[in-house]
PDB file of N, CA and C in Angstrom:
ATOM      1  N   MET A   1     172.144  96.775 102.762  1.00  0.00           N
ATOM      2  CA  MET A   1     171.063  97.021 102.300  1.00  0.00           C
ATOM      3  C   MET A   1     170.977  96.304 101.245  1.00  0.00           C
ATOM      4  N   ILE A   2     169.522  95.709 101.544  1.00  0.00           N
ATOM      5  CA  ILE A   2     168.486  94.449 100.977  1.00  0.00           C
ATOM      6  C   ILE A   2     167.491  95.056  99.847  1.00  0.00           C
ATOM      7  N   SER A   3     167.352  95.013  98.531  1.00  0.00           N
ATOM      8  CA  SER A   3     167.268  95.792  97.463  1.00  0.00           C
ATOM      9  C   SER A   3     165.801  95.555  97.660  1.00  0.00           C
ATOM     10  N   VAL A   4     164.682  96.554  97.211  1.00  0.00           N
ATOM     11  CA  VAL A   4     163.473  95.926  96.894  1.00  0.00           C
ATOM     12  C   VAL A   4     162.900  94.853  96.107  1.00  0.00           C
ATOM     13  N   THR A   5     163.886  94.545  95.276  1.00  0.00           N
ATOM     14  CA  THR A   5     163.442  93.093  94.341  1.00  0.00           C
ATOM     15  C   THR A   5     164.145  92.437  94.845  1.00  0.00           C
ATOM     16  N   THR A   6     165.497  92.503  95.610  1.00  0.00           N
ATOM     17  CA  THR A   6     165.682  91.259  96.170  1.00  0.00           C
ATOM     18  C   THR A   6     164.808  90.693  97.492  1.00  0.00           C
ATOM     19  N   GLU A   7     164.444  92.019  98.028  1.00  0.00           N
ATOM     20  CA  GLU A   7     163.393  91.720  99.067  1.00  0.00           C
ATOM     21  C   GLU A   7     162.164  90.706  98.368  1.00  0.00           C
ATOM     22  N   ARG A   8     161.425  91.677  97.163  1.00  0.00           N
ATOM     23  CA  ARG A   8     160.531  90.989  96.492  1.00  0.00           C
ATOM     24  C   ARG A   8     160.538  89.039  96.392  1.00  0.00           C
ATOM     25  N   SER A   9     162.132  89.664  95.868  1.00  0.00           N
ATOM     26  CA  SER A   9     162.355  87.560  95.522  1.00  0.00           C
ATOM     27  C   SER A   9     162.710  86.730  96.702  1.00  0.00           C
ATOM     28  N   LEU A  10     162.852  87.417  97.697  1.00  0.00           N
ATOM     29  CA  LEU A  10     162.682  86.536  99.211  1.00  0.00           C
ATOM     30  C   LEU A  10     161.298  86.470  99.657  1.00  0.00           C
ATOM     31  N   LEU A  11     160.337  86.986  99.687  1.00  0.00           N
ATOM     32  CA  LEU A  11     159.537  87.296 100.018  1.00  0.00           C
ATOM     33  C   LEU A  11     158.343  86.161  99.185  1.00  0.00           C
ATOM     34  N   GLN A  12     158.441  85.724  97.536  1.00  0.00           N
ATOM     35  CA  GLN A  12     157.941  85.267  96.853  1.00  0.00           C
ATOM     36  C   GLN A  12     158.647  84.021  97.101  1.00  0.00           C
ATOM     37  N   LYS A  13     159.684  83.558  97.471  1.00  0.00           N
ATOM     38  CA  LYS A  13     160.407  82.209  97.240  1.00  0.00           C
ATOM     39  C   LYS A  13     159.596  81.741  98.737  1.00  0.00           C
ATOM     40  N   ILE A  14     159.312  82.879  99.371  1.00  0.00           N
ATOM     41  CA  ILE A  14     159.010  82.402 101.225  1.00  0.00           C
ATOM     42  C   ILE A  14     157.152  81.921 100.912  1.00  0.00           C
ATOM     43  N   ARG A  15     156.633  82.449 100.403  1.00  0.00           N
ATOM     44  CA  ARG A  15     155.058  82.760  99.654  1.00  0.00           C
ATOM     45  C   ARG A  15     155.061  80.916  98.875  1.00  0.00           C
ATOM     46  N   GLU A  16     156.095  80.829  98.073  1.00  0.00           N
ATOM     47  CA  GLU A  16     155.975  79.663  96.974  1.00  0.00           C
ATOM     48  C   GLU A  16     156.319  78.124  97.972  1.00  0.00           C
ATOM     49  N   LYS A  17     157.000  78.709  99.093  1.00  0.00           N
ATOM     50  CA  LYS A  17     157.822  77.426  99.883  1.00  0.00           C
ATOM     51  C   LYS A  17     156.348  77.071 100.930  1.00  0.00           C
ATOM     52  N   GLU A  18     155.638  77.877 101.447  1.00  0.00           N
ATOM     53  CA  GLU A  18     154.184  78.313 102.030  1.00  0.00           C
ATOM     54  C   GLU A  18     153.108  77.304 101.503  1.00  0.00           C
ATOM     55  N   LEU A  19     153.108  77.945 100.516  1.00  0.00           N
ATOM     56  CA  LEU A  19     152.279  77.032  99.755  1.00  0.00           C
ATOM     57  C   LEU A  19     152.802  75.577  99.123  1.00  0.00           C
ATOM     58  N   GLU A  20     153.668  75.420  98.973  1.00  0.00           N
ATOM     59  CA  GLU A  20     153.897  73.625  98.763  1.00  0.00           C
ATOM     60  C   GLU A  20     153.840  73.233 100.361  1.00  0.00           C
ATOM     61  N   ILE A  21     154.291  73.698 101.258  1.00  0.00           N
ATOM     62  CA  ILE A  21     154.150  73.385 102.632  1.00  0.00           C
ATOM     63  C   ILE A  21     152.302  73.263 102.901  1.00  0.00           C
ATOM     64  N   ASN A  22     151.709  73.780 102.326  1.00  0.00           N
ATOM     65  CA  ASN A  22     150.383  73.825 102.677  1.00  0.00           C
ATOM     66  C   ASN A  22     150.061  72.965 101.836  1.00  0.00           C
ATOM     67  N   VAL A  23     149.898  72.747 100.030  1.00  0.00           N
ATOM     68  CA  VAL A  23     149.676  71.596  99.607  1.00  0.00           C
ATOM     69  C   VAL A  23     150.268  69.835 100.519  1.00  0.00           C
ATOM     70  N   GLN A  24     151.526  70.069 100.706  1.00  0.00           N
ATOM     71  CA  GLN A  24     152.054  68.524 101.162  1.00  0.00           C
ATOM     72  C   GLN A  24     150.893  68.455 102.651  1.00  0.00           C
ATOM     73  N   VAL A  25     150.815  69.846 103.570  1.00  0.00           N
ATOM     74  CA  VAL A  25     150.153  68.937 104.856  1.00  0.00           C
ATOM     75  C   VAL A  25     148.684  68.826 104.024  1.00  0.00           C
ATOM     76  N   ASP A  26     147.816  69.424 103.202  1.00  0.00           N
ATOM     77  CA  ASP A  26     146.616  68.848 102.713  1.00  0.00           C
ATOM     78  C   ASP A  26     146.765  67.433 102.500  1.00  0.00           C
ATOM     79  N   GLU A  27     147.801  67.079 101.493  1.00  0.00           N
ATOM     80  CA  GLU A  27     147.963  65.774 101.051  1.00  0.00           C
ATOM     81  C   GLU A  27     147.836  64.573 102.239  1.00  0.00           C
ATOM     82  N   ALA A  28     148.506  65.059 103.196  1.00  0.00           N
ATOM     83  CA  ALA A  28     149.150  64.216 104.436  1.00  0.00           C
ATOM     84  C   ALA A  28     147.405  64.601 105.164  1.00  0.00           C
ATOM     85  N   ARG A  29     146.936  65.448 105.163  1.00  0.00           N
ATOM     86  CA  ARG A  29     145.689  65.137 105.590  1.00  0.00           C
ATOM     87  C   ARG A  29     144.820  64.203 105.162  1.00  0.00           C
ATOM     88  N   ARG A  30     144.686  64.559 104.154  1.00  0.00           N
ATOM     89  CA  ARG A  30     143.826  63.825 103.111  1.00  0.00           C
ATOM     90  C   ARG A  30     144.183  61.885 103.290  1.00  0.00           C
ATOM     91  N   GLU A  31     145.610  61.607 102.918  1.00  0.00           N
ATOM     92  CA  GLU A  31     146.125  60.459 103.663  1.00  0.00           C
ATOM     93  C   GLU A  31     145.191  59.945 104.255  1.00  0.00           C
ATOM     94  N   ALA A  32     145.778  60.492 105.938  1.00  0.00           N
ATOM     95  CA  ALA A  32     145.102  60.626 107.135  1.00  0.00           C
ATOM     96  C   ALA A  32     143.599  59.952 107.322  1.00  0.00           C
ATOM     97  N   GLU A  33     143.057  60.990 106.722  1.00  0.00           N
ATOM     98  CA  GLU A  33     141.270  60.531 106.690  1.00  0.00           C
ATOM     99  C   GLU A  33     141.437  59.498 105.906  1.00  0.00           C
ATOM    100  N   GLU A  34     142.129  59.287 104.781  1.00  0.00           N
ATOM    101  CA  GLU A  34     141.706  57.771 103.433  1.00  0.00           C
ATOM    102  C   GLU A  34     142.083  56.399 104.957  1.00  0.00           C
ATOM    103  N   ILE A  35     143.175  56.573 105.629  1.00  0.00           N
ATOM    104  CA  ILE A  35     143.827  55.729 106.815  1.00  0.00           C
ATOM    105  C   ILE A  35     142.670  55.169 107.661  1.00  0.00           C
ATOM    106  N   LEU A  36     142.062  56.350 108.688  1.00  0.00           N
ATOM    107  CA  LEU A  36     140.626  56.063 109.123  1.00  0.00           C
ATOM    108  C   LEU A  36     139.556  55.429 108.620  1.00  0.00           C
ATOM    109  N   ILE A  37     139.336  56.114 107.114  1.00  0.00           N
ATOM    110  CA  ILE A  37     137.993  55.367 107.145  1.00  0.00           C
ATOM    111  C   ILE A  37     138.427  53.799 106.252  1.00  0.00           C
ATOM    112  N   ARG A  38     140.018  53.681 105.783  1.00  0.00           N
ATOM    113  CA  ARG A  38     139.883  52.000 105.681  1.00  0.00           C
ATOM    114  C   ARG A  38     139.410  51.663 107.034  1.00  0.00           C
ATOM    115  N   ALA A  39     140.570  52.220 108.037  1.00  0.00           N
ATOM    116  CA  ALA A  39     140.477  51.416 109.370  1.00  0.00           C
ATOM    117  C   ALA A  39     138.660  51.438 110.273  1.00  0.00           C
ATOM    118  N   ARG A  40     137.930  52.070 109.987  1.00  0.00           N
ATOM    119  CA  ARG A  40     136.805  51.763 110.352  1.00  0.00           C
ATOM    120  C   ARG A  40     136.341  50.823 109.494  1.00  0.00           C
ATOM    121  N   LYS A  41     136.334  50.622 108.426  1.00  0.00           N
ATOM    122  CA  LYS A  41     136.197  49.592 107.414  1.00  0.00           C
ATOM    123  C   LYS A  41     136.319  48.481 108.039  1.00  0.00           C
ATOM    124  N   ASP A  42     137.645  48.560 108.274  1.00  0.00           N
ATOM    125  CA  ASP A  42     138.434  47.026 108.443  1.00  0.00           C
ATOM    126  C   ASP A  42     137.660  46.783 110.228  1.00  0.00           C
ATOM    127  N   ALA A  43     137.432  47.643 111.470  1.00  0.00           N
ATOM    128  CA  ALA A  43     137.018  47.274 112.178  1.00  0.00           C
ATOM    129  C   ALA A  43     135.810  46.945 112.267  1.00  0.00           C
ATOM    130  N   ASP A  44     134.933  47.520 111.325  1.00  0.00           N
ATOM    131  CA  ASP A  44     133.332  47.009 111.169  1.00  0.00           C
ATOM    132  C   ASP A  44     133.393  45.844 110.591  1.00  0.00           C
ATOM    133  N   GLU A  45     134.264  45.412 109.315  1.00  0.00           N
ATOM    134  CA  GLU A  45     134.014  43.976 109.070  1.00  0.00           C
ATOM    135  C   GLU A  45     134.920  43.089 109.907  1.00  0.00           C
ATOM    136  N   ILE A  46     135.370  43.407 110.863  1.00  0.00           N
ATOM    137  CA  ILE A  46     135.968  42.602 111.864  1.00  0.00           C
ATOM    138  C   ILE A  46     134.991  42.100 113.089  1.00  0.00           C
ATOM    139  N   LEU A  47     134.266  43.325 113.270  1.00  0.00           N
ATOM    140  CA  LEU A  47     132.830  43.310 114.359  1.00  0.00           C
ATOM    141  C   LEU A  47     131.910  42.221 114.106  1.00  0.00           C
ATOM    142  N   LYS A  48     132.080  42.306 112.669  1.00  0.00           N
ATOM    143  CA  LYS A  48     130.807  41.587 111.919  1.00  0.00           C
ATOM    144  C   LYS A  48     131.165  40.706 111.597  1.00  0.00           C
ATOM    145  N   LYS A  49     132.364  40.066 111.356  1.00  0.00           N
ATOM    146  CA  LYS A  49     133.289  38.558 111.590  1.00  0.00           C
ATOM    147  C   LYS A  49     133.241  37.954 112.827  1.00  0.00           C
ATOM    148  N   ALA A  50     133.304  38.618 113.933  1.00  0.00           N
ATOM    149  CA  ALA A  50     133.655  38.123 115.086  1.00  0.00           C
ATOM    150  C   ALA A  50     131.604  37.914 115.733  1.00  0.00           C
ATOM    151  N   GLU A  51     130.849  38.456 115.348  1.00  0.00           N
ATOM    152  CA  GLU A  51     129.805  38.739 115.408  1.00  0.00           C
ATOM    153  C   GLU A  51     129.293  37.352 115.086  1.00  0.00           C
ATOM    154  N   ILE A  52     129.403  36.968 113.055  1.00  0.00           N
ATOM    155  CA  ILE A  52     129.284  35.653 112.752  1.00  0.00           C
ATOM    156  C   ILE A  52     129.985  34.605 113.468  1.00  0.00           C
ATOM    157  N   GLU A  53     131.103  34.787 113.385  1.00  0.00           N
ATOM    158  CA  GLU A  53     131.554  33.381 114.620  1.00  0.00           C
ATOM    159  C   GLU A  53     131.088  33.181 115.825  1.00  0.00           C
ATOM    160  N   GLY A  54     130.901  34.123 116.518  1.00  0.00           N
ATOM    161  CA  GLY A  54     130.515  34.353 117.895  1.00  0.00           C
ATOM    162  C   GLY A  54     129.071  33.403 117.878  1.00  0.00           C
ATOM    163  N   LYS A  55     127.902  34.231 116.843  1.00  0.00           N
ATOM    164  CA  LYS A  55     126.624  33.249 116.774  1.00  0.00           C
ATOM    165  C   LYS A  55     127.131  32.235 115.877  1.00  0.00           C
ATOM    166  N   ALA A  56     127.811  31.518 115.568  1.00  0.00           N
ATOM    167  CA  ALA A  56     127.862  30.256 115.153  1.00  0.00           C
ATOM    168  C   ALA A  56     128.302  29.355 116.049  1.00  0.00           C
ATOM    169  N   ALA A  57     129.328  29.939 116.765  1.00  0.00           N
ATOM    170  CA  ALA A  57     129.918  29.097 118.187  1.00  0.00           C
ATOM    171  C   ALA A  57     129.355  29.236 119.069  1.00  0.00           C
ATOM    172  N   ALA A  58     127.991  29.839 119.378  1.00  0.00           N
ATOM    173  CA  ALA A  58     127.006  29.546 120.441  1.00  0.00           C
ATOM    174  C   ALA A  58     126.044  28.402 119.758  1.00  0.00           C
ATOM    175  N   GLN A  59     126.191  28.433 118.948  1.00  0.00           N
ATOM    176  CA  GLN A  59     124.308  27.558 118.302  1.00  0.00           C
ATOM    177  C   GLN A  59     125.378  26.370 118.210  1.00  0.00           C
ATOM    178  N   ASP A  60     126.884  26.449 118.141  1.00  0.00           N
ATOM    179  CA  ASP A  60     127.369  25.009 118.056  1.00  0.00           C
ATOM    180  C   ASP A  60     127.210  24.547 119.747  1.00  0.00           C
ATOM    181  N   LEU A  61     127.471  25.526 120.309  1.00  0.00           N
ATOM    182  CA  LEU A  61     127.723  24.940 121.681  1.00  0.00           C
ATOM    183  C   LEU A  61     126.283  24.324 122.163  1.00  0.00           C
ATOM    184  N   THR A  62     125.528  24.962 121.546  1.00  0.00           N
ATOM    185  CA  THR A  62     123.933  24.954 122.191  1.00  0.00           C
ATOM    186  C   THR A  62     123.688  23.482 121.331  1.00  0.00           C
ATOM    187  N   ARG A  63     123.667  23.402 120.074  1.00  0.00           N
ATOM    188  CA  ARG A  63     124.046  21.874 119.872  1.00  0.00           C
ATOM    189  C   ARG A  63     124.295  20.514 120.638  1.00  0.00           C
ATOM    190  N   ARG A  64     125.580  21.021 120.959  1.00  0.00           N
ATOM    191  CA  ARG A  64     126.688  20.248 121.820  1.00  0.00           C
ATOM    192  C   ARG A  64     125.676  19.789 122.759  1.00  0.00           C
ATOM    193  N   GLU A  65     125.466  20.549 123.312  1.00  0.00           N
ATOM    194  CA  GLU A  65     124.393  20.843 124.934  1.00  0.00           C
ATOM    195  C   GLU A  65     123.223  19.686 124.993  1.00  0.00           C
ATOM    196  N   MET A  66     122.539  20.548 123.489  1.00  0.00           N
ATOM    197  CA  MET A  66     121.339  19.730 123.494  1.00  0.00           C
ATOM    198  C   MET A  66     121.612  18.322 123.217  1.00  0.00           C
ATOM    199  N   GLU A  67     123.114  17.561 122.420  1.00  0.00           N
ATOM    200  CA  GLU A  67     122.905  16.424 122.364  1.00  0.00           C
ATOM    201  C   GLU A  67     123.780  15.750 123.686  1.00  0.00           C
ATOM    202  N   THR A  68     123.949  16.289 124.288  1.00  0.00           N
ATOM    203  CA  THR A  68     124.163  15.758 125.578  1.00  0.00           C
ATOM    204  C   THR A  68     123.474  15.731 126.227  1.00  0.00           C
ATOM    205  N   ILE A  69     122.376  16.442 126.677  1.00  0.00           N
ATOM    206  CA  ILE A  69     121.314  16.276 127.355  1.00  0.00           C
ATOM    207  C   ILE A  69     120.041  15.461 126.741  1.00  0.00           C
ATOM    208  N   ARG A  70     120.498  15.242 125.413  1.00  0.00           N
ATOM    209  CA  ARG A  70     119.206  14.208 125.117  1.00  0.00           C
ATOM    210  C   ARG A  70     119.798  12.939 125.135  1.00  0.00           C
ATOM    211  N   LYS A  71     121.036  12.558 125.273  1.00  0.00           N
ATOM    212  CA  LYS A  71     121.800  11.437 126.045  1.00  0.00           C
ATOM    213  C   LYS A  71     121.476  10.839 126.948  1.00  0.00           C
ATOM    214  N   GLU A  72     121.698  12.228 128.027  1.00  0.00           N
ATOM    215  CA  GLU A  72     121.292  11.986 129.530  1.00  0.00           C
ATOM    216  C   GLU A  72     119.818  11.197 129.571  1.00  0.00           C
ATOM    217  N   ILE A  73     118.806  12.239 129.026  1.00  0.00           N
ATOM    218  CA  ILE A  73     117.434  11.911 129.251  1.00  0.00           C
ATOM    219  C   ILE A  73     117.427  10.436 128.527  1.00  0.00           C
ATOM    220  N   GLU A  74     117.821  10.014 127.786  1.00  0.00           N
ATOM    221  CA  GLU A  74     117.867   8.703 126.841  1.00  0.00           C
ATOM    222  C   GLU A  74     118.539   7.280 127.825  1.00  0.00           C
ATOM    223  N   ALA A  75     119.397   7.685 128.902  1.00  0.00           N
ATOM    224  CA  ALA A  75     120.232   6.935 129.764  1.00  0.00           C
ATOM    225  C   ALA A  75     119.343   6.741 130.998  1.00  0.00           C
ATOM    226  N   ALA A  76     118.554   7.723 130.939  1.00  0.00           N
ATOM    227  CA  ALA A  76     117.636   7.898 132.403  1.00  0.00           C
ATOM    228  C   ALA A  76     116.489   7.179 132.170  1.00  0.00           C
ATOM    229  N   ARG A  77     115.764   7.478 130.761  1.00  0.00           N
ATOM    230  CA  ARG A  77     114.981   6.349 130.994  1.00  0.00           C
ATOM    231  C   ARG A  77     115.018   5.200 130.398  1.00  0.00           C
ATOM    232  N   SER A  78     116.173   4.616 129.855  1.00  0.00           N
ATOM    233  CA  SER A  78     116.828   3.571 129.866  1.00  0.00           C
ATOM    234  C   SER A  78     117.176   2.799 131.166  1.00  0.00           C
ATOM    235  N   ALA A  79     117.311   3.451 132.458  1.00  0.00           N
ATOM    236  CA  ALA A  79     117.577   3.210 133.471  1.00  0.00           C
ATOM    237  C   ALA A  79     116.419   2.947 134.370  1.00  0.00           C
ATOM    238  N   GLY A  80     115.700   4.011 133.869  1.00  0.00           N
ATOM    239  CA  GLY A  80     114.051   3.658 134.309  1.00  0.00           C
ATOM    240  C   GLY A  80     113.194   2.271 133.950  1.00  0.00           C
ATOM    241  N   ASP A  81     113.701   1.982 132.727  1.00  0.00           N
ATOM    242  CA  ASP A  81     113.076   0.621 132.316  1.00  0.00           C
ATOM    243  C   ASP A  81     113.745  -0.598 132.639  1.00  0.00           C
ATOM    244  N   VAL A  82     114.499  -0.145 132.965  1.00  0.00           N
ATOM    245  CA  VAL A  82     115.340  -1.691 133.698  1.00  0.00           C
ATOM    246  C   VAL A  82     115.116  -1.313 135.365  1.00  0.00           C
ATOM    247  N   GLU A  83     114.749  -0.455 136.089  1.00  0.00           N
ATOM    248  CA  GLU A  83     114.523  -0.360 137.299  1.00  0.00           C
ATOM    249  C   GLU A  83     112.772  -0.737 137.071  1.00  0.00           C
ATOM    250  N   ILE A  84     112.019  -0.845 136.471  1.00  0.00           N
ATOM    251  CA  ILE A  84     111.029  -1.257 135.820  1.00  0.00           C
ATOM    252  C   ILE A  84     110.397  -2.655 136.009  1.00  0.00           C
ATOM    253  N   ARG A  85     111.342  -2.871 134.962  1.00  0.00           N
ATOM    254  CA  ARG A  85     111.330  -4.420 134.620  1.00  0.00           C
ATOM    255  C   ARG A  85     111.944  -5.021 135.784  1.00  0.00           C
ATOM    256  N   THR A  86     112.918  -4.751 136.539  1.00  0.00           N
ATOM    257  CA  THR A  86     113.470  -5.464 137.609  1.00  0.00           C
ATOM    258  C   THR A  86     112.402  -5.398 138.699  1.00  0.00           C
ATOM    259  N   LEU A  87     112.085  -4.511 139.336  1.00  0.00           N
ATOM    260  CA  LEU A  87     110.357  -4.406 139.971  1.00  0.00           C
ATOM    261  C   LEU A  87     109.602  -5.334 139.747  1.00  0.00           C
ATOM    262  N   LYS A  88     109.288  -5.256 138.233  1.00  0.00           N
ATOM    263  CA  LYS A  88     107.816  -6.315 137.935  1.00  0.00           C
ATOM    264  C   LYS A  88     108.006  -7.946 138.195  1.00  0.00           C
ATOM    265  N   GLU A  89     109.547  -8.156 137.795  1.00  0.00           N
ATOM    266  CA  GLU A  89     109.767  -9.576 137.908  1.00  0.00           C
ATOM    267  C   GLU A  89     110.362  -9.641 139.341  1.00  0.00           C
ATOM    268  N   LYS A  90     110.621  -8.853 140.592  1.00  0.00           N
ATOM    269  CA  LYS A  90     110.315  -8.944 141.807  1.00  0.00           C
ATOM    270  C   LYS A  90     109.218  -9.047 142.346  1.00  0.00           C
ATOM    271  N   GLY A  91     108.267  -8.469 141.760  1.00  0.00           N
ATOM    272  CA  GLY A  91     106.749  -8.487 142.128  1.00  0.00           C
ATOM    273  C   GLY A  91     106.390  -9.897 141.550  1.00  0.00           C
ATOM    274  N   GLU A  92     106.354 -10.146 140.594  1.00  0.00           N
ATOM    275  CA  GLU A  92     105.879 -11.198 140.043  1.00  0.00           C
ATOM    276  C   GLU A  92     106.201 -12.864 140.600  1.00  0.00           C
ATOM    277  N   ARG A  93     107.480 -12.383 141.245  1.00  0.00           N
ATOM    278  CA  ARG A  93     108.136 -13.658 141.929  1.00  0.00           C
ATOM    279  C   ARG A  93     107.269 -13.809 143.719  1.00  0.00           C
ATOM    280  N   THR A  94     107.483 -12.719 143.877  1.00  0.00           N
ATOM    281  CA  THR A  94     106.815 -12.994 145.195  1.00  0.00           C
ATOM    282  C   THR A  94     105.331 -12.644 145.418  1.00  0.00           C
ATOM    283  N   LEU A  95     104.404 -12.283 144.012  1.00  0.00           N
ATOM    284  CA  LEU A  95     103.042 -12.598 144.171  1.00  0.00           C
ATOM    285  C   LEU A  95     102.923 -14.002 144.162  1.00  0.00           C
ATOM    286  N   PRO A  96     103.134 -15.100 143.742  1.00  0.00           N
ATOM    287  CA  PRO A  96     102.147 -16.364 144.721  1.00  0.00           C
ATOM    288  C   PRO A  96     102.433 -16.320 146.356  1.00  0.00           C
ATOM    289  N   LYS A  97     103.669 -16.062 146.432  1.00  0.00           N
ATOM    290  CA  LYS A  97     103.606 -16.315 148.214  1.00  0.00           C
ATOM    291  C   LYS A  97     103.193 -15.238 148.618  1.00  0.00           C
ATOM    292  N   ALA A  98     103.014 -13.900 148.359  1.00  0.00           N
ATOM    293  CA  ALA A  98     101.962 -12.808 148.583  1.00  0.00           C
ATOM    294  C   ALA A  98     100.581 -13.287 148.860  1.00  0.00           C
ATOM    295  N   THR A  99     100.371 -13.992 147.501  1.00  0.00           N
ATOM    296  CA  THR A  99      98.693 -14.662 147.465  1.00  0.00           C
ATOM    297  C   THR A  99      98.688 -15.129 148.373  1.00  0.00           C
ATOM    298  N   GLU A 100      99.315 -16.775 148.577  1.00  0.00           N
ATOM    299  CA  GLU A 100      99.297 -17.223 149.709  1.00  0.00           C
ATOM    300  C   GLU A 100      99.105 -16.798 150.915  1.00  0.00           C
ATOM    301  N   GLU A 101     100.029 -16.006 151.296  1.00  0.00           N
ATOM    302  CA  GLU A 101      99.876 -15.455 152.622  1.00  0.00           C
ATOM    303  C   GLU A 101      98.660 -14.495 152.684  1.00  0.00           C
ATOM    304  N   ILE A 102      98.200 -13.624 152.260  1.00  0.00           N
ATOM    305  CA  ILE A 102      97.017 -12.974 152.035  1.00  0.00           C
ATOM    306  C   ILE A 102      95.609 -13.650 151.983  1.00  0.00           C
ATOM    307  N   THR A 103      95.871 -15.161 151.807  1.00  0.00           N
ATOM    308  CA  THR A 103      94.986 -16.310 151.630  1.00  0.00           C
ATOM    309  C   THR A 103      94.832 -16.778 152.734  1.00  0.00           C
ATOM    310  N   LYS A 104      95.714 -17.110 153.624  1.00  0.00           N
ATOM    311  CA  LYS A 104      96.393 -17.501 154.417  1.00  0.00           C
ATOM    312  C   LYS A 104      95.132 -16.934 155.935  1.00  0.00           C
ATOM    313  N   VAL A 105      95.267 -15.555 155.637  1.00  0.00           N
ATOM    314  CA  VAL A 105      94.963 -14.585 156.858  1.00  0.00           C
ATOM    315  C   VAL A 105      93.320 -14.088 156.002  1.00  0.00           C
ATOM    316  N   VAL A 106      93.013 -14.172 154.932  1.00  0.00           N
ATOM    317  CA  VAL A 106      91.831 -13.776 155.127  1.00  0.00           C
ATOM    318  C   VAL A 106      90.801 -15.195 155.521  1.00  0.00           C
ATOM    319  N   VAL A 107      91.407 -16.648 155.170  1.00  0.00           N
ATOM    320  CA  VAL A 107      90.760 -18.181 155.506  1.00  0.00           C
ATOM    321  C   VAL A 107      90.703 -17.784 157.319  1.00  0.00           C
ATOM    322  N   VAL A 108      91.339 -17.726 157.780  1.00  0.00           N
ATOM    323  CA  VAL A 108      91.573 -17.792 159.251  1.00  0.00           C
ATOM    324  C   VAL A 108      90.610 -16.758 159.868  1.00  0.00           C
ATOM    325  N   GLU A 109      90.462 -15.742 159.271  1.00  0.00           N
ATOM    326  CA  GLU A 109      89.594 -15.084 160.028  1.00  0.00           C
ATOM    327  C   GLU A 109      88.079 -15.356 159.922  1.00  0.00           C
TER     328      GLU A 109
END
């Protein structure tokens, strides 16, 4: 048989071990909470950085597209100017003959 003193000693050791394990569990819980807090902060920073980079990329894309559109507009204007000059020159070349033809028709009547 186990004596009362030995039984108390075993119970004491079990209690001490339980306390030790509880301390380790509490410490592990605190560490896990700290890891979660750091992970959330890191995730927030990553999201903020991605948002900033996304906005910058969108602005850059908008700027490049606007520049492309400006160049296309300028090219269309230049082409229009060339076409206007060409038509004007053609009209100026044909104006004397047209005037002559109109004058003949009006004089004949």
